Each structure stands twice: as C-alpha cells, then as structure tokens.
C-alpha cells in the first residue's frame, strides 16, 4: 500500500503543481501542450551471461527487486564468431515502467538512489537525444537500497531512459527539475 501512496502523490504533484508551473513558465494555454513523462525504460547489457548463467540470474533478480517487474530477455539477432556469440543467446535485459510503477521508481531514484552516489554533484545536462528523451547510466546496481550485499555479488550497469511525449528539450529538462532531479550546475 505504501508504494501506491508514493506514486499517486508524485502523480498528484505533477497534475496539481508541476503542470501549472510549466504552463506559466512556457506561456502555454492548454495543459495538453505541456510535456509529460510517458515511460521509463531500464536496460542492461549482460553479454558475459553466455559463459556464466549466474550473471543472468543475478541480473534478473536485480531488475525484479528494483522495478517490481520481471525483465524481458533481449536475444542476439546474429551469430558473431569473433565475440563467440550465437544467434538466440541472451545479451541483455529490459523493463518498461509506466503509470504507478514509473512514478514509484522515479521517486525512489530521486530520493534514495541518487543521494547514495559517491561524489555526486548532479546528473549531466547533455544526455538528451534529438527526440528530447534523457538517458542516465549507472555503473553498478549496489546503490539501490532494495538489494542486499549477497544480491550484488556480480556487478552490472544499468541504463535508465526517460521517454517524454514532447520533443522540446528545454521543457523536458524543466519537468525533470520540477520532479526534483538534480542537474550539474552550469558554469557561465
């Protein structure tokens, strides 16, 4: 029940406060013109799992604990002899979060995970793509409080992609700031 309350409070904050602030900031007349977070996609490349099945099990358990969803296995499309890779081998895992799961993960990322990073000064301003989506890479999964020490025996990185319904990078950046995501201070 606690997860439901967290995600609905973040969703209510968006609908009641952030939406109004962004409409004023960008001088918009209609609330449908304001950008919105559509989904969060979390993925991890685990190409070394072809040699050791324990890596795949640990990575699946990690995704299940931090997202609340079972990951989808990404398979190799071609065989590549120089990488000792066969077609159909598992090379990655992916989870797509929407609605309450998305807001719950976003809340935990902002308030629990990012403050636990060592020497953290904010996330980069330059990780937006041409469509206005943001990518955040984490080197290891040990910073998530849901995982115990035994569950982090095999380290693997995570790629977190924030997908927006609007292509305006400045508006998407403002939405992320309103959610509380800290960006690196720009030197002028």
Protein backbone atom coordinates (compact mmCIF):
# COMPACT_ATOMS: atom_id res chain seq x y z
CA UNK A 1 0.00 0.00 0.00
CA UNK A 2 2.91 2.35 0.64
CA UNK A 3 4.09 2.12 -2.98
CA UNK A 4 0.65 3.12 -4.20
CA UNK A 5 0.65 6.22 -1.96
CA UNK A 6 4.11 7.33 -3.11
CA UNK A 7 3.34 7.03 -6.81
CA UNK A 8 -0.06 8.69 -6.54
CA UNK A 9 1.42 11.57 -4.54
CA UNK A 10 4.08 12.16 -7.23
CA UNK A 11 1.40 11.88 -9.92
CA UNK A 12 -0.84 14.31 -8.00
CA UNK A 13 2.09 16.69 -7.61
CA UNK A 14 2.54 16.62 -11.38
CA UNK A 15 -1.17 17.20 -12.06
CA UNK A 16 -1.68 19.91 -9.40
CA UNK A 17 1.60 21.84 -9.20
CA UNK A 18 4.13 20.95 -11.89
CA UNK A 19 1.64 21.19 -14.75
CA UNK A 20 0.59 24.69 -13.68
CA UNK A 21 4.21 25.81 -13.19
CA UNK A 22 5.25 24.60 -16.64
CA UNK A 23 2.22 26.25 -18.29
CA UNK A 24 3.24 29.58 -16.71
CA UNK A 25 6.95 29.12 -17.47
CA UNK A 26 6.44 28.35 -21.18
CA UNK A 27 3.35 30.57 -21.61
CA UNK A 28 1.05 27.75 -22.72
CA UNK A 29 -2.73 27.96 -22.85
CA UNK A 30 -3.67 24.28 -22.86
CA UNK A 31 -2.47 21.66 -20.36
CA UNK A 32 -2.10 19.12 -23.20
CA UNK A 33 0.75 21.23 -24.62
CA UNK A 34 2.85 20.57 -21.54
CA UNK A 35 5.37 17.72 -21.70
CA UNK A 36 4.66 14.52 -19.81
CA UNK A 37 6.80 11.56 -18.81
CA UNK A 38 5.47 8.66 -20.91
CA UNK A 39 7.60 5.79 -19.64
CA UNK A 40 10.91 4.82 -18.08
CA UNK A 41 12.89 2.06 -19.79
CA UNK A 42 15.63 0.33 -17.79
CA UNK A 43 18.04 -1.99 -19.56
CA UNK A 44 21.32 -3.73 -19.00
CA UNK A 45 23.70 -5.43 -21.40
CA UNK A 46 24.90 -8.73 -19.97
CA UNK A 47 26.79 -10.30 -22.85
CA UNK A 48 29.02 -12.19 -20.41
CA UNK A 49 25.97 -14.23 -19.33
CA UNK A 50 26.61 -16.65 -22.20
CA UNK A 51 29.55 -18.06 -20.23
CA UNK A 52 28.10 -17.85 -16.70
CA UNK A 53 24.39 -18.36 -16.04
CA UNK A 54 24.77 -16.94 -12.52
CA UNK A 55 25.18 -13.46 -14.04
CA UNK A 56 21.81 -13.79 -15.78
CA UNK A 57 20.11 -14.94 -12.55
CA UNK A 58 21.61 -12.09 -10.52
CA UNK A 59 20.63 -9.51 -13.16
CA UNK A 60 17.06 -10.84 -13.37
CA UNK A 61 16.76 -10.74 -9.58
CA UNK A 62 18.11 -7.18 -9.55
CA UNK A 63 15.53 -6.00 -12.08
CA UNK A 64 12.73 -7.77 -10.21
CA UNK A 65 13.69 -6.16 -6.89
CA UNK A 66 14.25 -2.58 -8.09
CA UNK A 67 11.35 -2.34 -10.55
CA UNK A 68 8.75 -4.80 -9.33
CA UNK A 69 8.53 -6.36 -12.81
CA UNK A 70 10.13 -9.36 -14.43
CA UNK A 71 12.57 -8.26 -17.17
CA UNK A 72 12.27 -9.18 -20.84
CA UNK A 73 15.30 -11.04 -22.22
CA UNK A 74 16.95 -9.44 -25.24
CA UNK A 75 18.37 -12.03 -27.63
CA UNK A 76 21.23 -11.79 -30.12
CA UNK A 77 19.92 -11.38 -33.67
CA UNK A 78 23.07 -12.66 -35.41
CA UNK A 79 25.89 -15.04 -34.65
CA UNK A 80 29.27 -13.29 -34.40
CA UNK A 81 32.21 -15.70 -34.30
CA UNK A 82 34.81 -13.19 -33.08
CA UNK A 83 32.69 -12.48 -29.97
CA UNK A 84 31.81 -16.18 -29.54
CA UNK A 85 28.16 -15.16 -29.77
CA UNK A 86 25.43 -17.39 -31.15
CA UNK A 87 22.09 -16.26 -32.52
CA UNK A 88 19.48 -16.51 -29.74
CA UNK A 89 21.89 -16.02 -26.81
CA UNK A 90 20.69 -13.65 -24.09
CA UNK A 91 22.66 -10.39 -24.38
CA UNK A 92 20.54 -8.05 -22.26
CA UNK A 93 17.51 -7.46 -20.06
CA UNK A 94 14.88 -4.73 -20.34
CA UNK A 95 11.96 -3.43 -18.25
CA UNK A 96 9.47 -0.75 -19.32
CA UNK A 97 7.74 1.11 -16.48
CA UNK A 98 4.53 3.08 -16.94
CA UNK A 99 1.96 4.80 -14.69
CA UNK A 100 2.26 3.99 -10.96
CA UNK A 101 5.36 1.78 -11.32
CA UNK A 102 7.06 4.58 -13.25
CA UNK A 103 6.27 7.24 -10.63
CA UNK A 104 7.29 4.91 -7.80
CA UNK A 105 10.65 4.16 -9.44
CA UNK A 106 11.20 7.86 -10.19
CA UNK A 107 10.52 8.79 -6.56
CA UNK A 108 12.97 6.16 -5.25
CA UNK A 109 15.59 7.17 -7.85
CA UNK A 110 15.43 10.85 -6.86
CA UNK A 111 15.18 10.49 -3.08
CA UNK A 112 17.03 7.25 -2.29
CA UNK A 113 19.38 6.21 -5.09
CA UNK A 114 20.98 9.40 -6.44
CA UNK A 115 21.89 10.73 -2.96
CA UNK A 116 23.75 7.45 -2.31
CA UNK A 117 26.15 8.02 -5.22
CA UNK A 118 29.68 8.82 -4.17
CA UNK A 119 30.89 12.33 -5.13
CA UNK A 120 27.55 13.13 -6.73
CA UNK A 121 27.18 16.71 -7.99
CA UNK A 122 24.14 16.19 -10.22
CA UNK A 123 23.36 14.49 -13.49
CA UNK A 124 24.57 15.75 -16.86
CA UNK A 125 22.61 18.37 -18.81
CA UNK A 126 23.83 16.95 -22.12
CA UNK A 127 22.31 13.44 -22.15
CA UNK A 128 19.19 14.42 -24.12
CA UNK A 129 18.73 12.95 -27.58
CA UNK A 130 17.14 14.67 -30.61
CA UNK A 131 13.66 13.46 -29.61
CA UNK A 132 14.00 15.08 -26.18
CA UNK A 133 14.42 11.84 -24.21
CA UNK A 134 17.01 11.56 -21.42
CA UNK A 135 19.47 8.70 -20.75
CA UNK A 136 21.12 8.08 -17.40
CA UNK A 137 23.78 5.41 -16.94
CA UNK A 138 24.70 3.81 -13.62
CA UNK A 139 27.93 1.80 -13.30
CA UNK A 140 26.62 -0.69 -10.76
CA UNK A 141 23.41 -1.71 -9.06
CA UNK A 142 24.70 -1.65 -5.47
CA UNK A 143 23.29 1.83 -4.80
CA UNK A 144 19.69 0.56 -4.79
CA UNK A 145 18.57 0.04 -1.19
CA UNK A 146 16.32 -2.91 -2.13
CA UNK A 147 19.34 -5.12 -2.80
CA UNK A 148 21.29 -6.92 -0.09
CA UNK A 149 25.05 -7.45 -0.13
CA UNK A 150 24.68 -11.07 -1.31
CA UNK A 151 22.49 -9.98 -4.23
CA UNK A 152 25.17 -7.62 -5.53
CA UNK A 153 27.94 -10.22 -5.81
CA UNK A 154 28.03 -9.79 -9.60
CA UNK A 155 28.18 -6.15 -10.68
CA UNK A 156 26.46 -4.92 -13.84
CA UNK A 157 25.49 -1.48 -15.06
CA UNK A 158 22.05 -0.08 -15.75
CA UNK A 159 20.83 2.31 -18.43
CA UNK A 160 17.76 4.35 -17.43
CA UNK A 161 15.90 6.11 -20.26
CA UNK A 162 13.24 8.74 -19.57
CA UNK A 163 10.84 8.92 -22.52
CA UNK A 164 8.75 12.09 -22.92
CA UNK A 165 5.77 12.78 -25.17
CA UNK A 166 7.18 16.17 -26.23
CA UNK A 167 10.36 16.84 -28.26
CA UNK A 168 11.23 20.19 -26.62
CA UNK A 169 14.44 19.55 -24.66
CA UNK A 170 14.14 22.69 -22.52
CA UNK A 171 10.60 21.81 -21.45
CA UNK A 172 11.64 18.22 -20.67
CA UNK A 173 14.59 19.50 -18.64
CA UNK A 174 12.28 21.82 -16.71
CA UNK A 175 9.92 18.92 -15.99
CA UNK A 176 12.81 16.87 -14.62
CA UNK A 177 13.89 19.79 -12.42
CA UNK A 178 10.31 20.15 -11.14
CA UNK A 179 10.29 16.46 -10.22
CA UNK A 180 13.44 17.12 -8.18
CA UNK A 181 16.12 15.57 -10.37
CA UNK A 182 19.37 17.46 -9.67
CA UNK A 183 21.35 18.63 -12.69
CA UNK A 184 25.01 19.66 -12.67
CA UNK A 185 25.41 23.40 -12.18
CA UNK A 186 26.37 25.09 -15.45
CA UNK A 187 29.38 27.40 -15.35
CA UNK A 188 28.72 30.69 -17.12
